[in-house]
Protein backbone atom coordinates (compact mmCIF):
# COMPACT_ATOMS: atom_id res chain seq x y z
CA MET A 1 17.46 4.11 -19.03
CA VAL A 2 15.90 0.64 -19.10
CA ALA A 3 14.11 0.55 -22.46
CA GLU A 4 14.18 2.75 -25.57
CA HIS A 5 11.44 2.81 -28.22
CA PRO A 6 10.85 5.33 -31.04
CA ASP A 7 7.78 6.55 -29.12
CA PHE A 8 8.92 6.38 -25.49
CA TYR A 9 11.60 5.64 -22.92
CA VAL A 10 11.27 3.61 -19.74
CA ILE A 11 13.74 4.72 -17.11
CA HIS A 12 14.55 3.54 -13.60
CA LYS A 13 13.75 6.57 -11.46
CA PRO A 14 15.94 6.79 -8.37
CA ALA A 15 14.34 7.39 -5.01
CA LEU A 16 14.34 11.03 -3.84
CA TRP A 17 14.16 12.35 -7.42
CA LEU A 18 11.06 14.12 -8.68
CA THR A 19 9.41 12.98 -11.90
CA HIS A 20 9.24 16.55 -13.23
CA PRO A 21 10.34 19.97 -11.93
CA VAL A 22 8.29 21.54 -9.15
CA ARG A 23 8.62 25.26 -8.54
CA ALA A 24 8.64 24.85 -4.77
CA ARG A 25 11.40 22.19 -4.88
CA VAL A 26 14.16 23.71 -7.01
CA ASP A 27 16.74 21.97 -4.81
CA VAL A 28 15.55 18.48 -5.80
CA PRO A 29 16.70 16.79 -9.04
CA ASP A 30 14.03 15.59 -11.45
CA ILE A 31 14.02 12.93 -14.15
CA LEU A 32 12.37 15.00 -16.88
CA THR A 33 14.96 17.79 -16.80
CA PHE A 34 17.79 15.27 -16.60
CA MET A 35 16.53 13.19 -19.53
CA ARG A 36 15.77 16.21 -21.73
CA ARG A 37 19.36 17.34 -21.18
CA GLU A 38 20.82 13.86 -21.76
CA THR A 39 18.84 13.12 -24.94
CA GLY A 40 18.45 16.60 -26.38
CA GLU A 41 14.73 15.90 -26.80
CA PRO A 42 12.68 18.87 -25.53
CA ASP A 43 9.33 17.12 -26.16
CA LEU A 44 9.87 14.40 -23.56
CA ALA A 45 6.93 14.23 -21.16
CA PRO A 46 5.82 11.93 -18.32
CA PRO A 47 2.37 10.35 -18.88
CA HIS A 48 2.34 9.29 -15.22
CA ARG A 49 4.22 10.27 -12.08
CA LEU A 50 6.02 8.46 -9.31
CA ASP A 51 6.22 10.07 -5.87
CA ARG A 52 9.59 11.59 -5.04
CA GLU A 53 10.37 8.82 -2.56
CA THR A 54 9.27 5.98 -4.85
CA SER A 55 11.82 4.31 -7.11
CA GLY A 56 11.29 2.26 -10.25
CA THR A 57 9.79 2.23 -13.73
CA GLN A 58 8.88 5.65 -15.13
CA LEU A 59 7.62 6.27 -18.67
CA LEU A 60 8.59 9.28 -20.76
CA THR A 61 6.88 9.90 -24.12
CA ARG A 62 9.00 11.27 -26.98
CA ASP A 63 6.39 13.25 -28.94
CA ALA A 64 2.87 14.66 -28.69
CA ASP A 65 1.26 11.73 -30.51
CA ALA A 66 2.71 9.19 -28.08
CA ALA A 67 1.63 11.40 -25.18
CA ARG A 68 -1.97 11.37 -26.48
CA ARG A 69 -1.91 7.59 -26.91
CA PHE A 70 -0.66 7.03 -23.38
CA PHE A 71 -3.27 9.45 -22.03
CA THR A 72 -5.92 7.14 -23.50
CA LEU A 73 -4.21 4.00 -22.19
CA PHE A 74 -4.06 5.36 -18.65
CA LYS A 75 -7.62 6.72 -18.82
CA THR A 76 -8.95 3.33 -19.91
CA HIS A 77 -6.87 1.46 -17.27
CA LEU A 78 -4.81 -0.46 -19.82
CA VAL A 79 -1.47 0.29 -18.15
CA GLY A 80 -0.61 -2.22 -15.43
CA LYS A 81 1.86 -1.26 -12.72
CA THR A 82 3.27 -3.75 -10.23
CA TYR A 83 4.99 -2.50 -7.08
CA LEU A 84 7.14 -4.04 -4.35
CA ALA A 85 6.83 -2.81 -0.77
CA LEU A 86 8.79 -3.61 2.38
CA VAL A 87 6.47 -3.63 5.39
CA HIS A 88 6.52 -4.18 9.11
CA GLY A 89 4.58 -7.30 9.99
CA THR A 90 4.11 -10.79 8.58
CA PRO A 91 0.66 -11.44 7.12
CA ASP A 92 -0.92 -14.85 7.59
CA TRP A 93 -2.10 -14.89 3.98
CA GLU A 94 -0.26 -15.45 0.70
CA ARG A 95 -2.57 -13.49 -1.60
CA ARG A 96 -5.26 -10.97 -0.79
CA THR A 97 -7.40 -8.52 -2.71
CA LEU A 98 -8.47 -5.48 -0.69
CA ASP A 99 -11.57 -3.72 -2.01
CA ALA A 100 -11.87 -0.74 0.32
CA PRO A 101 -12.83 2.86 -0.55
CA LEU A 102 -10.27 5.57 0.17
CA GLY A 103 -10.76 9.23 1.06
CA ASP A 104 -9.48 12.00 3.30
CA LEU A 105 -9.22 10.90 6.92
CA GLY A 106 -9.79 14.46 8.08
CA LEU A 107 -7.93 16.43 10.70
CA GLY A 108 -8.76 15.82 14.32
CA GLY A 109 -8.22 13.18 16.94
CA ALA A 110 -4.94 11.37 16.35
CA ASN A 111 -4.58 12.67 12.80
CA ARG A 112 -2.66 15.92 12.29
CA ILE A 113 -1.81 15.39 8.61
CA ALA A 114 -4.27 16.90 6.12
CA ILE A 115 -3.31 14.69 3.16
CA ARG A 116 -3.60 11.38 5.01
CA GLN A 117 -5.93 8.97 3.25
CA ALA A 118 -7.88 6.19 4.93
CA VAL A 119 -10.54 3.59 4.31
CA VAL A 120 -13.76 5.57 4.78
CA PRO A 121 -17.37 4.63 3.96
CA ASP A 122 -17.90 7.50 1.52
CA GLY A 123 -14.50 7.20 -0.14
CA ARG A 124 -13.70 6.53 -3.79
CA ALA A 125 -13.56 2.91 -4.93
CA ALA A 126 -10.07 1.43 -4.53
CA VAL A 127 -8.93 -2.14 -5.17
CA THR A 128 -5.42 -3.53 -4.66
CA ASP A 129 -4.17 -7.09 -5.22
CA PHE A 130 -1.43 -8.17 -2.81
CA ARG A 131 0.95 -11.14 -2.86
CA VAL A 132 3.56 -12.03 -0.24
CA VAL A 133 6.97 -12.47 -1.86
CA GLY A 134 8.84 -13.23 1.36
CA ARG A 135 8.85 -12.97 5.15
CA ARG A 136 11.90 -12.17 7.22
CA ALA A 137 12.49 -11.02 10.82
CA GLY A 138 9.13 -9.42 11.45
CA HIS A 139 8.96 -7.92 7.96
CA ALA A 140 7.45 -8.90 4.65
CA LEU A 141 8.22 -8.13 1.03
CA ILE A 142 4.88 -7.66 -0.69
CA GLU A 143 3.93 -7.32 -4.34
CA ALA A 144 1.09 -4.86 -4.91
CA TYR A 145 -0.99 -4.42 -8.03
CA PRO A 146 -3.38 -1.44 -7.79
CA ARG A 147 -6.44 -1.82 -9.99
CA SER A 148 -7.38 1.81 -9.34
CA GLY A 149 -5.22 4.90 -8.99
CA ARG A 150 -6.19 6.62 -5.77
CA LEU A 151 -3.89 8.95 -3.83
CA HIS A 152 -1.46 6.94 -1.67
CA GLN A 153 -3.51 3.82 -2.46
CA ILE A 154 -0.91 1.12 -1.75
CA ARG A 155 0.41 2.82 1.37
CA ALA A 156 -3.05 3.48 2.80
CA HIS A 157 -4.30 -0.01 2.00
CA LEU A 158 -1.24 -1.64 3.59
CA ALA A 159 -1.65 0.50 6.71
CA HIS A 160 -5.31 -0.54 6.86
CA LEU A 161 -4.18 -4.18 6.81
CA GLY A 162 -1.84 -3.51 9.75
CA LEU A 163 1.25 -3.67 7.53
CA PRO A 164 2.80 -0.17 7.61
CA MET A 165 5.51 0.43 5.05
CA VAL A 166 9.12 0.76 6.23
CA GLY A 167 10.27 4.38 6.07
CA ASP A 168 6.76 5.77 5.50
CA LYS A 169 6.42 9.14 7.22
CA ILE A 170 2.63 9.40 6.77
CA TYR A 171 1.32 5.84 7.10
CA GLY A 172 4.16 4.26 9.08
CA ARG A 173 4.42 3.32 12.74
CA ASP A 174 5.63 6.74 13.95
CA PRO A 175 2.75 9.27 13.95
CA GLN A 176 5.15 12.17 14.57
CA ALA A 177 7.48 11.39 11.65
CA PHE A 178 5.84 13.51 8.94
CA LEU A 179 5.48 16.53 11.23
CA ASP A 180 9.14 16.27 12.23
CA PHE A 181 10.10 15.95 8.56
CA MET A 182 8.15 19.08 7.63
CA GLU A 183 9.86 21.04 10.40
CA HIS A 184 13.43 19.74 10.23
CA GLY A 185 13.76 17.78 6.98
CA GLN A 186 15.17 14.27 6.67
CA THR A 187 17.59 14.30 9.57
CA PRO A 188 19.85 11.34 10.42
CA GLU A 189 17.82 10.89 13.60
CA LEU A 190 14.59 10.62 11.63
CA THR A 191 16.14 8.15 9.21
CA ALA A 192 17.31 6.04 12.15
CA ARG A 193 13.79 6.09 13.61
CA LEU A 194 12.20 5.04 10.33
CA GLY A 195 14.84 2.57 9.16
CA LEU A 196 15.12 4.22 5.72
CA ALA A 197 15.40 7.74 4.33
CA ARG A 198 12.31 7.13 2.20
CA GLN A 199 9.21 4.98 1.97
CA ALA A 200 10.00 1.41 0.90
CA LEU A 201 7.94 1.44 -2.30
CA HIS A 202 9.33 0.42 -5.68
CA ALA A 203 7.59 0.37 -9.08
CA ALA A 204 8.96 -2.97 -10.22
CA ARG A 205 7.11 -3.51 -13.51
CA ILE A 206 5.00 -1.66 -16.07
CA ALA A 207 3.03 -3.27 -18.90
CA PHE A 208 0.83 -1.87 -21.67
CA PRO A 209 -0.35 -2.59 -25.22
CA TRP A 210 1.50 -0.84 -28.04
CA ASP A 211 1.37 -1.18 -31.82
CA GLY A 212 -0.49 -4.47 -31.71
CA GLY A 213 1.77 -6.08 -29.12
CA GLN A 214 2.30 -6.04 -25.37
CA VAL A 215 5.20 -4.18 -23.78
CA ALA A 216 6.40 -5.20 -20.32
CA VAL A 217 9.44 -3.70 -18.59
CA ALA A 218 10.72 -4.74 -15.17
CA VAL A 219 13.52 -3.38 -12.99
CA PRO A 220 15.12 -5.04 -9.95
CA LEU A 221 14.46 -3.86 -6.42
CA ALA A 222 16.28 -0.59 -5.72
CA PRO A 223 19.67 -1.06 -4.00
CA ASP A 224 18.67 0.62 -0.71
CA LEU A 225 15.59 -1.58 -0.36
CA GLN A 226 17.53 -4.70 -1.34
CA ALA A 227 20.18 -3.86 1.26
CA TYR A 228 17.52 -3.39 3.97
CA TRP A 229 15.91 -6.71 3.07
CA ASP A 230 19.25 -8.54 2.92
CA ALA A 231 20.22 -7.23 6.36
CA LEU A 232 17.17 -8.76 8.02
CA THR A 233 17.91 -12.02 9.79
C-alpha cells in the first residue's frame, strides 16, 4: 500500500497480478481479492484497471460513494496517469506528442493477432505525450502521458514510432512471441527472447482532484525494470 485515505487506497500493483479476479484465470493472484482479505473491507473496488503485466499505481475505492465520484472523474478525464516504459531504440527527440487514431489492425498479412491495435485512418482519437528520461545501450526510458484511454494506447503508439517496448509480446520486435505465449505460456526461452517476462510498462504516478485539493501519488520504477535498465551499459 502506498497511500491510505478514508475514501480510497493507492497500492503498488506488482507485475503479473490481475487487478481483479477473472474467471478464466483462477491461477493468477489479483489485487482486489488480496486487499479485501488484508483490510477486511468487502466494498473495495477498482475504478480503473492495470493490465496483468503492468506494474504501478492502482486505485481502490473504499465505499460506493467514492466509487461513484471516481467514475465521474475518469469519465470527465480528470485523472492523470503517467507511465514509464523501457523501449528498444533511441529517439532523436526529447519530447513528442503523438496524435494518431487507434483501431483494430485486422487479421491478415503479417498480423495474426486479433486484438492488435494500430494507427488507422478510421480509428478512435488517441493522443499521447512522450518525454525521454534517458538513453542507454540502444534503449530508452520514456515517460508517457496518455490524454485518451484507448486499448493498448501507449504500446501501440510507441510501436508506431519505431520504439517497441521491451518484453512486449504483441507490439514488440518478435512477431511470433504472443502466439508462442498462447500455446506454451511464459517459458524461460520466451523470456530470454524478449528480455523480460512481461511488458516493460509501469504506472509511475496518478493524480486527481479530491475534496477541494489535488492528490498525487508516485511509486518508483518496479524492481525488475530498474534491474534491466541498470544492467544496460
